[in-house]
């Protein structure tokens, strides 16, 4: 299973918003800068996060985006599932049972391996909050933080 750019950037954008939690709404350009996500792509990612109830938009001159809940109340798994869909290292063990269509499921001797892989991934994603990531970022020495700037498409 590989996490797409959509999933990675979605989590990074939410971490950027978590850093601003409790302050005024954050402009999309600031989120893009802070998360190192190109603004045009970030626009596409914010909409599903808003529809899922993870972020709220505020209109007006001082408008922007805010987390809908405290960073400690949002787990990475929620963001991942909005961006990527259900955890599914194999179709036969997707968290969405309607996707489990393999005819071999009832007698498959290897399926228990994939169930454990799915459960391990889901457990890891669901055990880490945005607050955990913000704390880890603050604890990381500045010299170890990435410095690449996003490419802006004009």
C-alpha atoms as a PDB file:
ATOM      1  CA  UNK A   1       0.000   0.000   0.000  1.00  0.00           C
ATOM      2  CA  UNK A   2       1.334   3.377  -0.973  1.00  0.00           C
ATOM      3  CA  UNK A   3       0.029   6.727   0.254  1.00  0.00           C
ATOM      4  CA  UNK A   4      -0.604   9.099  -2.642  1.00  0.00           C
ATOM      5  CA  UNK A   5       0.461  12.720  -2.825  1.00  0.00           C
ATOM      6  CA  UNK A   6      -3.172  13.577  -2.065  1.00  0.00           C
ATOM      7  CA  UNK A   7      -2.987  11.741   1.258  1.00  0.00           C
ATOM      8  CA  UNK A   8       0.412  13.125   2.194  1.00  0.00           C
ATOM      9  CA  UNK A   9      -0.483  16.707   1.308  1.00  0.00           C
ATOM     10  CA  UNK A  10      -3.840  16.451   3.081  1.00  0.00           C
ATOM     11  CA  UNK A  11      -2.133  15.457   6.322  1.00  0.00           C
ATOM     12  CA  UNK A  12       0.518  18.159   5.913  1.00  0.00           C
ATOM     13  CA  UNK A  13      -2.133  20.833   5.363  1.00  0.00           C
ATOM     14  CA  UNK A  14      -4.018  19.720   8.463  1.00  0.00           C
ATOM     15  CA  UNK A  15      -0.817  19.842  10.537  1.00  0.00           C
ATOM     16  CA  UNK A  16      -0.245  23.387   9.277  1.00  0.00           C
ATOM     17  CA  UNK A  17      -3.764  24.313  10.412  1.00  0.00           C
ATOM     18  CA  UNK A  18      -3.134  22.615  13.764  1.00  0.00           C
ATOM     19  CA  UNK A  19      -0.166  24.946  14.341  1.00  0.00           C
ATOM     20  CA  UNK A  20      -2.599  27.876  14.032  1.00  0.00           C
ATOM     21  CA  UNK A  21      -5.380  26.352  16.155  1.00  0.00           C
ATOM     22  CA  UNK A  22      -7.012  28.876  18.462  1.00  0.00           C
ATOM     23  CA  UNK A  23      -5.987  31.904  16.422  1.00  0.00           C
ATOM     24  CA  UNK A  24      -7.694  33.681  13.534  1.00  0.00           C
ATOM     25  CA  UNK A  25      -8.620  31.874  10.294  1.00  0.00           C
ATOM     26  CA  UNK A  26      -5.644  30.975   8.109  1.00  0.00           C
ATOM     27  CA  UNK A  27      -5.467  32.011   4.461  1.00  0.00           C
ATOM     28  CA  UNK A  28      -4.966  29.279   1.884  1.00  0.00           C
ATOM     29  CA  UNK A  29      -1.662  30.852   0.819  1.00  0.00           C
ATOM     30  CA  UNK A  30      -0.359  30.613   4.396  1.00  0.00           C
ATOM     31  CA  UNK A  31      -1.435  26.968   4.690  1.00  0.00           C
ATOM     32  CA  UNK A  32       0.292  26.270   1.346  1.00  0.00           C
ATOM     33  CA  UNK A  33       3.493  27.939   2.512  1.00  0.00           C
ATOM     34  CA  UNK A  34       3.493  26.289   5.936  1.00  0.00           C
ATOM     35  CA  UNK A  35       2.721  22.802   4.594  1.00  0.00           C
ATOM     36  CA  UNK A  36       4.888  23.060   1.488  1.00  0.00           C
ATOM     37  CA  UNK A  37       1.884  22.158  -0.669  1.00  0.00           C
ATOM     38  CA  UNK A  38       1.278  24.020  -3.946  1.00  0.00           C
ATOM     39  CA  UNK A  39      -1.689  26.390  -3.478  1.00  0.00           C
ATOM     40  CA  UNK A  40      -3.579  25.236  -6.609  1.00  0.00           C
ATOM     41  CA  UNK A  41      -3.437  21.628  -5.378  1.00  0.00           C
ATOM     42  CA  UNK A  42      -4.297  22.631  -1.826  1.00  0.00           C
ATOM     43  CA  UNK A  43      -7.520  24.235  -3.095  1.00  0.00           C
ATOM     44  CA  UNK A  44      -8.588  20.801  -4.349  1.00  0.00           C
ATOM     45  CA  UNK A  45      -7.763  19.150  -1.013  1.00  0.00           C
ATOM     46  CA  UNK A  46      -9.517  21.614   1.273  1.00  0.00           C
ATOM     47  CA  UNK A  47     -12.979  20.969  -0.208  1.00  0.00           C
ATOM     48  CA  UNK A  48     -13.245  17.289   0.835  1.00  0.00           C
ATOM     49  CA  UNK A  49     -11.743  18.096   4.250  1.00  0.00           C
ATOM     50  CA  UNK A  50     -14.428  20.755   4.694  1.00  0.00           C
ATOM     51  CA  UNK A  51     -17.211  18.408   3.505  1.00  0.00           C
ATOM     52  CA  UNK A  52     -15.966  15.788   5.985  1.00  0.00           C
ATOM     53  CA  UNK A  53     -16.286  18.316   8.797  1.00  0.00           C
ATOM     54  CA  UNK A  54     -12.574  18.477   9.593  1.00  0.00           C
ATOM     55  CA  UNK A  55     -12.118  22.123   8.596  1.00  0.00           C
ATOM     56  CA  UNK A  56     -14.389  25.132   8.462  1.00  0.00           C
ATOM     57  CA  UNK A  57     -14.143  28.087   6.123  1.00  0.00           C
ATOM     58  CA  UNK A  58     -14.661  31.670   7.244  1.00  0.00           C
ATOM     59  CA  UNK A  59     -15.578  34.333   4.703  1.00  0.00           C
ATOM     60  CA  UNK A  60     -14.535  37.937   4.569  1.00  0.00           C
ATOM     61  CA  UNK A  61     -11.422  40.054   4.686  1.00  0.00           C
ATOM     62  CA  UNK A  62     -10.108  38.143   7.707  1.00  0.00           C
ATOM     63  CA  UNK A  63     -11.379  34.842   6.329  1.00  0.00           C
ATOM     64  CA  UNK A  64      -9.622  31.569   5.794  1.00  0.00           C
ATOM     65  CA  UNK A  65      -9.716  28.097   7.282  1.00  0.00           C
ATOM     66  CA  UNK A  66      -9.729  26.696  10.807  1.00  0.00           C
ATOM     67  CA  UNK A  67      -9.850  23.194  12.241  1.00  0.00           C
ATOM     68  CA  UNK A  68     -13.387  22.221  13.224  1.00  0.00           C
ATOM     69  CA  UNK A  69     -12.127  20.486  16.374  1.00  0.00           C
ATOM     70  CA  UNK A  70      -9.094  20.669  18.623  1.00  0.00           C
ATOM     71  CA  UNK A  71      -5.926  19.074  17.172  1.00  0.00           C
ATOM     72  CA  UNK A  72      -6.031  16.460  19.934  1.00  0.00           C
ATOM     73  CA  UNK A  73      -9.488  15.391  18.732  1.00  0.00           C
ATOM     74  CA  UNK A  74      -8.522  14.751  15.098  1.00  0.00           C
ATOM     75  CA  UNK A  75      -6.632  11.567  14.288  1.00  0.00           C
ATOM     76  CA  UNK A  76      -4.523  11.118  11.162  1.00  0.00           C
ATOM     77  CA  UNK A  77      -6.744   8.183  10.181  1.00  0.00           C
ATOM     78  CA  UNK A  78      -9.701  10.526   9.661  1.00  0.00           C
ATOM     79  CA  UNK A  79      -7.689  12.702   7.295  1.00  0.00           C
ATOM     80  CA  UNK A  80      -6.231   9.668   5.504  1.00  0.00           C
ATOM     81  CA  UNK A  81      -9.690   8.180   4.873  1.00  0.00           C
ATOM     82  CA  UNK A  82     -11.028  11.472   3.510  1.00  0.00           C
ATOM     83  CA  UNK A  83      -8.075  11.777   1.144  1.00  0.00           C
ATOM     84  CA  UNK A  84      -7.484   8.116   0.238  1.00  0.00           C
ATOM     85  CA  UNK A  85     -10.623   6.168   1.125  1.00  0.00           C
ATOM     86  CA  UNK A  86     -10.731   3.118   3.377  1.00  0.00           C
ATOM     87  CA  UNK A  87      -7.514   1.417   4.475  1.00  0.00           C
ATOM     88  CA  UNK A  88      -7.124  -1.445   2.014  1.00  0.00           C
ATOM     89  CA  UNK A  89      -3.728  -3.042   1.449  1.00  0.00           C
ATOM     90  CA  UNK A  90      -5.657  -5.607  -0.657  1.00  0.00           C
ATOM     91  CA  UNK A  91      -9.210  -5.340  -2.020  1.00  0.00           C
ATOM     92  CA  UNK A  92     -10.221  -8.445  -0.101  1.00  0.00           C
ATOM     93  CA  UNK A  93      -9.573  -6.779   3.276  1.00  0.00           C
ATOM     94  CA  UNK A  94     -10.747  -3.207   2.674  1.00  0.00           C
ATOM     95  CA  UNK A  95     -12.284  -1.452   5.674  1.00  0.00           C
ATOM     96  CA  UNK A  96     -15.280  -0.976   3.360  1.00  0.00           C
ATOM     97  CA  UNK A  97     -16.806  -4.449   3.252  1.00  0.00           C
ATOM     98  CA  UNK A  98     -18.610  -3.664  -0.015  1.00  0.00           C
ATOM     99  CA  UNK A  99     -15.160  -3.608  -1.672  1.00  0.00           C
ATOM    100  CA  UNK A 100     -14.348  -7.128  -0.451  1.00  0.00           C
ATOM    101  CA  UNK A 101     -15.431  -8.907  -3.621  1.00  0.00           C
ATOM    102  CA  UNK A 102     -12.819 -11.617  -4.097  1.00  0.00           C
ATOM    103  CA  UNK A 103     -14.456 -15.043  -4.566  1.00  0.00           C
ATOM    104  CA  UNK A 104     -11.567 -16.699  -2.684  1.00  0.00           C
ATOM    105  CA  UNK A 105     -12.291 -14.943   0.637  1.00  0.00           C
ATOM    106  CA  UNK A 106     -14.099 -17.838   2.360  1.00  0.00           C
ATOM    107  CA  UNK A 107     -11.201 -20.279   1.885  1.00  0.00           C
ATOM    108  CA  UNK A 108      -8.223 -17.968   1.439  1.00  0.00           C
ATOM    109  CA  UNK A 109      -5.242 -19.108   3.508  1.00  0.00           C
ATOM    110  CA  UNK A 110      -3.307 -15.845   3.063  1.00  0.00           C
ATOM    111  CA  UNK A 111      -6.129 -13.413   3.897  1.00  0.00           C
ATOM    112  CA  UNK A 112      -5.283 -13.395   7.644  1.00  0.00           C
ATOM    113  CA  UNK A 113      -1.931 -11.800   6.759  1.00  0.00           C
ATOM    114  CA  UNK A 114      -3.641  -8.961   4.873  1.00  0.00           C
ATOM    115  CA  UNK A 115      -6.224  -8.476   7.641  1.00  0.00           C
ATOM    116  CA  UNK A 116      -3.382  -8.024  10.144  1.00  0.00           C
ATOM    117  CA  UNK A 117      -1.578  -5.617   7.814  1.00  0.00           C
ATOM    118  CA  UNK A 118      -4.784  -3.572   7.391  1.00  0.00           C
ATOM    119  CA  UNK A 119      -5.446  -3.534  11.129  1.00  0.00           C
ATOM    120  CA  UNK A 120      -1.863  -2.516  11.897  1.00  0.00           C
ATOM    121  CA  UNK A 121      -1.991   0.368   9.426  1.00  0.00           C
ATOM    122  CA  UNK A 122      -5.405   1.511  10.637  1.00  0.00           C
ATOM    123  CA  UNK A 123      -4.244   1.241  14.247  1.00  0.00           C
ATOM    124  CA  UNK A 124      -1.201   3.399  13.565  1.00  0.00           C
ATOM    125  CA  UNK A 125      -3.199   6.027  11.672  1.00  0.00           C
ATOM    126  CA  UNK A 126      -5.904   6.121  14.344  1.00  0.00           C
ATOM    127  CA  UNK A 127      -3.453   6.391  17.245  1.00  0.00           C
ATOM    128  CA  UNK A 128      -1.779   9.643  16.152  1.00  0.00           C
ATOM    129  CA  UNK A 129      -3.513  12.997  16.550  1.00  0.00           C
ATOM    130  CA  UNK A 130      -2.684  16.310  14.953  1.00  0.00           C
ATOM    131  CA  UNK A 131      -1.625  17.482  18.424  1.00  0.00           C
ATOM    132  CA  UNK A 132       0.903  14.629  18.547  1.00  0.00           C
ATOM    133  CA  UNK A 133       2.384  15.757  15.223  1.00  0.00           C
ATOM    134  CA  UNK A 134       2.537  19.402  16.294  1.00  0.00           C
ATOM    135  CA  UNK A 135       4.335  18.388  19.496  1.00  0.00           C
ATOM    136  CA  UNK A 136       6.819  16.255  17.543  1.00  0.00           C
ATOM    137  CA  UNK A 137       7.434  19.117  15.102  1.00  0.00           C
ATOM    138  CA  UNK A 138       8.151  21.535  17.938  1.00  0.00           C
ATOM    139  CA  UNK A 139      10.550  19.030  19.504  1.00  0.00           C
ATOM    140  CA  UNK A 140      12.480  18.494  16.252  1.00  0.00           C
ATOM    141  CA  UNK A 141      15.623  20.633  15.929  1.00  0.00           C
ATOM    142  CA  UNK A 142      15.350  23.330  13.250  1.00  0.00           C
ATOM    143  CA  UNK A 143      18.339  21.818  11.407  1.00  0.00           C
ATOM    144  CA  UNK A 144      16.366  18.582  10.813  1.00  0.00           C
ATOM    145  CA  UNK A 145      13.238  20.258   9.408  1.00  0.00           C
ATOM    146  CA  UNK A 146      12.693  20.224   5.633  1.00  0.00           C
ATOM    147  CA  UNK A 147      13.332  23.544   3.917  1.00  0.00           C
ATOM    148  CA  UNK A 148      12.101  22.898   0.361  1.00  0.00           C
ATOM    149  CA  UNK A 149       9.686  25.470  -0.993  1.00  0.00           C
ATOM    150  CA  UNK A 150       6.544  24.432  -2.911  1.00  0.00           C
ATOM    151  CA  UNK A 151       6.496  24.904  -6.626  1.00  0.00           C
ATOM    152  CA  UNK A 152       3.872  27.481  -7.512  1.00  0.00           C
ATOM    153  CA  UNK A 153       2.178  27.010 -10.857  1.00  0.00           C
ATOM    154  CA  UNK A 154       1.175  30.324 -12.395  1.00  0.00           C
END
